[in-house]
Amino acid sequence: MDEWTQNKLKDINLEQLIQAFEDKEIDRIAYMSLTENMLKDLVHKIGWRSKIFKDIFQSKSTENQTLEVFEIQTPLTEINSNINCDINKIYTFEYEEENNHEVEIKEN
């Protein structure tokens, strides 16, 4: 078991499961991959399983949001190298997710 998994269990007030997760060698990757059947074998209380599933869902959602932000922060020159900007002006960039990945530049 890794520190990440221990902290997750502590965050959802299930410290009493740390030893069981350690015995089954559940690390971050295993935690995020737990299925309903796996969790039934490991955790017998429905309320505890519910908390873990909720946390897994929220963790996956947070990871996806982080990935989306990372992808949007791609330098505009990589998206379209034909952009001319005056560095003395402030521009607002809008990224529209379409097949052609066009970028619209609005001058403020």
N, C-alpha and C. Protein backbone atom coordinates (compact mmCIF):
# COMPACT_ATOMS: atom_id res chain seq x y z
N MET A 1 0.85 -1.18 0.00
CA MET A 1 0.00 0.00 0.00
C MET A 1 0.89 1.23 0.00
N ASP A 2 0.44 2.22 -0.74
CA ASP A 2 1.20 3.47 -0.80
C ASP A 2 0.54 4.54 0.08
N GLU A 3 1.26 5.62 0.26
CA GLU A 3 0.78 6.71 1.11
C GLU A 3 -0.48 7.34 0.55
N TRP A 4 -0.58 7.42 -0.79
CA TRP A 4 -1.76 8.01 -1.44
C TRP A 4 -3.03 7.27 -1.00
N THR A 5 -2.98 5.94 -1.03
CA THR A 5 -4.15 5.14 -0.66
C THR A 5 -4.48 5.29 0.82
N GLN A 6 -3.45 5.30 1.65
CA GLN A 6 -3.68 5.52 3.09
C GLN A 6 -4.38 6.85 3.32
N ASN A 7 -3.90 7.89 2.65
CA ASN A 7 -4.50 9.22 2.81
C ASN A 7 -5.94 9.25 2.31
N LYS A 8 -6.22 8.53 1.22
CA LYS A 8 -7.59 8.46 0.71
C LYS A 8 -8.51 7.86 1.76
N LEU A 9 -8.10 6.76 2.34
CA LEU A 9 -8.93 6.11 3.36
C LEU A 9 -9.11 7.01 4.57
N LYS A 10 -8.08 7.72 4.96
CA LYS A 10 -8.19 8.66 6.07
C LYS A 10 -9.12 9.81 5.73
N ASP A 11 -9.04 10.30 4.49
CA ASP A 11 -9.89 11.43 4.05
C ASP A 11 -11.38 11.10 4.13
N ILE A 12 -11.72 9.82 3.90
CA ILE A 12 -13.14 9.44 3.94
C ILE A 12 -13.48 8.72 5.25
N ASN A 13 -12.63 8.91 6.25
CA ASN A 13 -12.85 8.39 7.61
C ASN A 13 -12.99 6.88 7.65
N LEU A 14 -12.16 6.19 6.89
CA LEU A 14 -12.16 4.73 6.89
C LEU A 14 -10.76 4.19 7.21
N GLU A 15 -10.13 4.80 8.22
CA GLU A 15 -8.80 4.37 8.63
C GLU A 15 -8.76 2.90 9.02
N GLN A 16 -9.90 2.39 9.51
CA GLN A 16 -9.97 1.00 9.96
C GLN A 16 -9.77 0.01 8.81
N LEU A 17 -9.83 0.48 7.56
CA LEU A 17 -9.63 -0.40 6.41
C LEU A 17 -8.18 -0.41 5.90
N ILE A 18 -7.34 0.42 6.48
CA ILE A 18 -5.96 0.52 6.00
C ILE A 18 -5.26 -0.84 6.02
N GLN A 19 -5.40 -1.58 7.10
CA GLN A 19 -4.73 -2.88 7.20
C GLN A 19 -5.25 -3.86 6.14
N ALA A 20 -6.56 -3.87 5.92
CA ALA A 20 -7.14 -4.76 4.91
C ALA A 20 -6.63 -4.41 3.51
N PHE A 21 -6.55 -3.13 3.22
CA PHE A 21 -6.05 -2.69 1.92
C PHE A 21 -4.56 -3.01 1.79
N GLU A 22 -3.83 -2.87 2.89
CA GLU A 22 -2.41 -3.20 2.87
C GLU A 22 -2.21 -4.70 2.65
N ASP A 23 -3.01 -5.52 3.32
CA ASP A 23 -2.91 -6.97 3.16
C ASP A 23 -3.17 -7.41 1.71
N LYS A 24 -4.04 -6.70 1.03
CA LYS A 24 -4.38 -7.03 -0.36
C LYS A 24 -3.51 -6.27 -1.36
N GLU A 25 -2.53 -5.51 -0.85
CA GLU A 25 -1.58 -4.75 -1.68
C GLU A 25 -2.28 -3.79 -2.63
N ILE A 26 -3.25 -3.06 -2.10
CA ILE A 26 -3.99 -2.10 -2.91
C ILE A 26 -3.28 -0.76 -2.85
N ASP A 27 -2.73 -0.36 -3.98
CA ASP A 27 -2.08 0.94 -4.11
C ASP A 27 -3.01 1.86 -4.90
N ARG A 28 -2.48 3.00 -5.32
CA ARG A 28 -3.31 3.99 -6.02
C ARG A 28 -3.95 3.41 -7.28
N ILE A 29 -3.18 2.72 -8.08
CA ILE A 29 -3.70 2.16 -9.33
C ILE A 29 -4.80 1.13 -9.03
N ALA A 30 -4.54 0.26 -8.06
CA ALA A 30 -5.54 -0.75 -7.70
C ALA A 30 -6.79 -0.09 -7.12
N TYR A 31 -6.62 0.93 -6.28
CA TYR A 31 -7.74 1.64 -5.67
C TYR A 31 -8.65 2.23 -6.75
N MET A 32 -8.03 2.91 -7.71
CA MET A 32 -8.81 3.56 -8.76
C MET A 32 -9.44 2.56 -9.71
N SER A 33 -9.01 1.30 -9.66
CA SER A 33 -9.53 0.26 -10.55
C SER A 33 -10.50 -0.69 -9.85
N LEU A 34 -10.80 -0.44 -8.59
CA LEU A 34 -11.67 -1.36 -7.85
C LEU A 34 -13.05 -1.46 -8.50
N THR A 35 -13.53 -2.69 -8.61
CA THR A 35 -14.88 -2.92 -9.12
C THR A 35 -15.79 -3.24 -7.94
N GLU A 36 -17.08 -3.30 -8.23
CA GLU A 36 -18.04 -3.60 -7.17
C GLU A 36 -17.77 -4.97 -6.56
N ASN A 37 -17.48 -5.96 -7.39
CA ASN A 37 -17.22 -7.31 -6.87
C ASN A 37 -15.95 -7.35 -6.03
N MET A 38 -14.91 -6.67 -6.48
CA MET A 38 -13.68 -6.64 -5.70
C MET A 38 -13.92 -6.01 -4.33
N LEU A 39 -14.66 -4.91 -4.34
CA LEU A 39 -14.90 -4.20 -3.10
C LEU A 39 -15.79 -5.02 -2.16
N LYS A 40 -16.74 -5.79 -2.71
CA LYS A 40 -17.57 -6.65 -1.87
C LYS A 40 -16.74 -7.69 -1.13
N ASP A 41 -15.72 -8.21 -1.80
CA ASP A 41 -14.84 -9.18 -1.16
C ASP A 41 -13.98 -8.54 -0.07
N LEU A 42 -13.67 -7.29 -0.25
CA LEU A 42 -12.75 -6.61 0.65
C LEU A 42 -13.46 -5.89 1.80
N VAL A 43 -14.60 -5.26 1.50
CA VAL A 43 -15.31 -4.43 2.48
C VAL A 43 -16.73 -4.95 2.62
N HIS A 44 -17.11 -5.35 3.83
CA HIS A 44 -18.40 -6.00 4.03
C HIS A 44 -19.53 -5.02 4.33
N LYS A 45 -19.21 -3.84 4.79
CA LYS A 45 -20.27 -2.87 5.12
C LYS A 45 -20.62 -2.03 3.89
N ILE A 46 -21.90 -2.00 3.58
CA ILE A 46 -22.38 -1.29 2.39
C ILE A 46 -22.05 0.20 2.47
N GLY A 47 -22.21 0.79 3.63
CA GLY A 47 -21.93 2.21 3.79
C GLY A 47 -20.48 2.55 3.47
N TRP A 48 -19.58 1.69 3.90
CA TRP A 48 -18.15 1.90 3.63
C TRP A 48 -17.87 1.77 2.14
N ARG A 49 -18.48 0.73 1.51
CA ARG A 49 -18.28 0.56 0.06
C ARG A 49 -18.80 1.78 -0.69
N SER A 50 -19.92 2.29 -0.25
CA SER A 50 -20.51 3.47 -0.89
C SER A 50 -19.56 4.67 -0.81
N LYS A 51 -18.96 4.88 0.34
CA LYS A 51 -18.00 5.99 0.51
C LYS A 51 -16.81 5.82 -0.42
N ILE A 52 -16.32 4.60 -0.54
CA ILE A 52 -15.16 4.34 -1.39
C ILE A 52 -15.51 4.58 -2.85
N PHE A 53 -16.67 4.06 -3.29
CA PHE A 53 -17.08 4.28 -4.68
C PHE A 53 -17.26 5.75 -4.99
N LYS A 54 -17.85 6.48 -4.06
CA LYS A 54 -18.02 7.93 -4.26
C LYS A 54 -16.67 8.60 -4.39
N ASP A 55 -15.73 8.21 -3.55
CA ASP A 55 -14.39 8.81 -3.60
C ASP A 55 -13.68 8.45 -4.90
N ILE A 56 -13.83 7.21 -5.36
CA ILE A 56 -13.21 6.82 -6.62
C ILE A 56 -13.78 7.65 -7.76
N PHE A 57 -15.10 7.81 -7.79
CA PHE A 57 -15.75 8.61 -8.83
C PHE A 57 -15.25 10.05 -8.79
N GLN A 58 -15.20 10.65 -7.61
CA GLN A 58 -14.74 12.03 -7.49
C GLN A 58 -13.27 12.15 -7.87
N SER A 59 -12.46 11.18 -7.51
CA SER A 59 -11.04 11.21 -7.86
C SER A 59 -10.84 11.13 -9.36
N LYS A 60 -11.60 10.26 -10.02
CA LYS A 60 -11.50 10.13 -11.48
C LYS A 60 -11.97 11.42 -12.15
N SER A 61 -13.02 12.01 -11.62
CA SER A 61 -13.53 13.26 -12.17
C SER A 61 -12.49 14.37 -12.04
N THR A 62 -11.85 14.45 -10.89
CA THR A 62 -10.81 15.46 -10.66
C THR A 62 -9.63 15.24 -11.59
N GLU A 63 -9.22 13.99 -11.78
CA GLU A 63 -8.11 13.69 -12.69
C GLU A 63 -8.45 14.09 -14.12
N ASN A 64 -9.69 13.86 -14.53
CA ASN A 64 -10.11 14.24 -15.88
C ASN A 64 -10.12 15.75 -16.05
N GLN A 65 -10.57 16.48 -15.03
CA GLN A 65 -10.58 17.94 -15.11
C GLN A 65 -9.16 18.47 -15.20
N THR A 66 -8.26 17.88 -14.45
CA THR A 66 -6.86 18.29 -14.50
C THR A 66 -6.29 18.04 -15.88
N LEU A 67 -6.62 16.91 -16.47
CA LEU A 67 -6.15 16.59 -17.81
C LEU A 67 -6.70 17.58 -18.82
N GLU A 68 -8.00 17.94 -18.72
CA GLU A 68 -8.59 18.89 -19.64
C GLU A 68 -7.90 20.25 -19.54
N VAL A 69 -7.63 20.71 -18.33
CA VAL A 69 -6.94 22.00 -18.16
C VAL A 69 -5.56 21.94 -18.78
N PHE A 70 -4.86 20.83 -18.59
CA PHE A 70 -3.53 20.67 -19.15
C PHE A 70 -3.59 20.75 -20.67
N GLU A 71 -4.57 20.07 -21.27
CA GLU A 71 -4.68 20.06 -22.73
C GLU A 71 -5.02 21.44 -23.28
N ILE A 72 -5.84 22.19 -22.58
CA ILE A 72 -6.24 23.51 -23.05
C ILE A 72 -5.07 24.49 -22.96
N GLN A 73 -4.13 24.25 -22.08
CA GLN A 73 -3.01 25.16 -21.91
C GLN A 73 -1.92 24.95 -22.96
N THR A 74 -2.20 24.17 -23.98
CA THR A 74 -1.25 23.99 -25.07
C THR A 74 -0.95 25.36 -25.67
N PRO A 75 0.32 25.68 -25.90
CA PRO A 75 0.64 26.99 -26.47
C PRO A 75 -0.12 27.22 -27.77
N LEU A 76 -0.66 28.42 -27.90
CA LEU A 76 -1.46 28.73 -29.08
C LEU A 76 -0.66 28.60 -30.37
N THR A 77 0.63 28.80 -30.29
CA THR A 77 1.43 28.65 -31.50
C THR A 77 1.44 27.22 -32.01
N GLU A 78 1.21 26.27 -31.09
CA GLU A 78 1.13 24.88 -31.52
C GLU A 78 -0.22 24.58 -32.15
N ILE A 79 -1.25 25.31 -31.75
CA ILE A 79 -2.58 25.10 -32.31
C ILE A 79 -2.67 25.71 -33.71
N ASN A 80 -2.17 26.92 -33.85
CA ASN A 80 -2.23 27.61 -35.14
C ASN A 80 -1.03 28.53 -35.23
N SER A 81 -0.10 28.22 -36.09
CA SER A 81 1.13 29.00 -36.16
C SER A 81 0.96 30.29 -36.95
N ASN A 82 -0.25 30.58 -37.44
CA ASN A 82 -0.49 31.79 -38.22
C ASN A 82 -1.04 32.93 -37.37
N ILE A 83 -0.89 32.85 -36.07
CA ILE A 83 -1.42 33.88 -35.19
C ILE A 83 -0.40 35.01 -35.07
N ASN A 84 -0.85 36.24 -35.31
CA ASN A 84 -0.01 37.42 -35.12
C ASN A 84 -0.58 38.22 -33.97
N CYS A 85 0.21 38.46 -32.95
CA CYS A 85 -0.23 39.20 -31.79
C CYS A 85 0.75 40.31 -31.49
N ASP A 86 0.22 41.45 -31.18
CA ASP A 86 1.04 42.57 -30.73
C ASP A 86 1.22 42.39 -29.23
N ILE A 87 2.45 42.26 -28.77
CA ILE A 87 2.67 41.99 -27.35
C ILE A 87 2.31 43.17 -26.46
N ASN A 88 2.05 44.33 -27.04
CA ASN A 88 1.67 45.50 -26.26
C ASN A 88 0.15 45.58 -26.06
N LYS A 89 -0.61 44.66 -26.61
CA LYS A 89 -2.06 44.66 -26.46
C LYS A 89 -2.48 43.42 -25.68
N ILE A 90 -3.64 43.51 -25.06
CA ILE A 90 -4.19 42.38 -24.33
C ILE A 90 -5.23 41.71 -25.22
N TYR A 91 -5.10 40.42 -25.37
CA TYR A 91 -6.02 39.64 -26.19
C TYR A 91 -6.74 38.61 -25.32
N THR A 92 -7.97 38.33 -25.69
CA THR A 92 -8.72 37.25 -25.07
C THR A 92 -8.77 36.12 -26.07
N PHE A 93 -8.37 34.94 -25.63
CA PHE A 93 -8.36 33.79 -26.50
C PHE A 93 -9.49 32.85 -26.11
N GLU A 94 -10.24 32.44 -27.08
CA GLU A 94 -11.30 31.47 -26.85
C GLU A 94 -10.97 30.21 -27.62
N TYR A 95 -10.96 29.13 -26.91
CA TYR A 95 -10.65 27.84 -27.52
C TYR A 95 -11.96 27.10 -27.73
N GLU A 96 -12.30 26.83 -28.97
CA GLU A 96 -13.51 26.09 -29.27
C GLU A 96 -13.14 24.68 -29.67
N GLU A 97 -13.73 23.74 -28.95
CA GLU A 97 -13.38 22.35 -29.24
C GLU A 97 -14.24 21.85 -30.40
N GLU A 98 -13.66 21.89 -31.56
CA GLU A 98 -14.28 21.38 -32.77
C GLU A 98 -13.24 20.52 -33.48
N ASN A 99 -13.65 19.92 -34.54
CA ASN A 99 -12.73 19.06 -35.27
C ASN A 99 -11.52 19.82 -35.79
N ASN A 100 -11.70 21.07 -36.17
CA ASN A 100 -10.59 21.82 -36.73
C ASN A 100 -9.79 22.60 -35.68
N HIS A 101 -10.24 22.62 -34.44
CA HIS A 101 -9.54 23.29 -33.34
C HIS A 101 -9.17 24.73 -33.68
N GLU A 102 -10.12 25.48 -34.14
CA GLU A 102 -9.88 26.88 -34.46
C GLU A 102 -9.76 27.70 -33.18
N VAL A 103 -9.02 28.75 -33.25
CA VAL A 103 -8.87 29.67 -32.13
C VAL A 103 -9.32 31.03 -32.59
N GLU A 104 -10.22 31.63 -31.83
CA GLU A 104 -10.72 32.96 -32.16
C GLU A 104 -9.99 33.97 -31.26
N ILE A 105 -9.51 35.02 -31.86
CA ILE A 105 -8.81 36.06 -31.11
C ILE A 105 -9.69 37.30 -31.10
N LYS A 106 -9.96 37.80 -29.90
CA LYS A 106 -10.73 39.03 -29.76
C LYS A 106 -9.84 40.08 -29.13
N GLU A 107 -9.83 41.24 -29.71
CA GLU A 107 -9.02 42.33 -29.15
C GLU A 107 -9.85 43.07 -28.13
N ASN A 108 -9.27 43.32 -26.94
CA ASN A 108 -9.98 44.06 -25.88
C ASN A 108 -9.71 45.53 -26.00
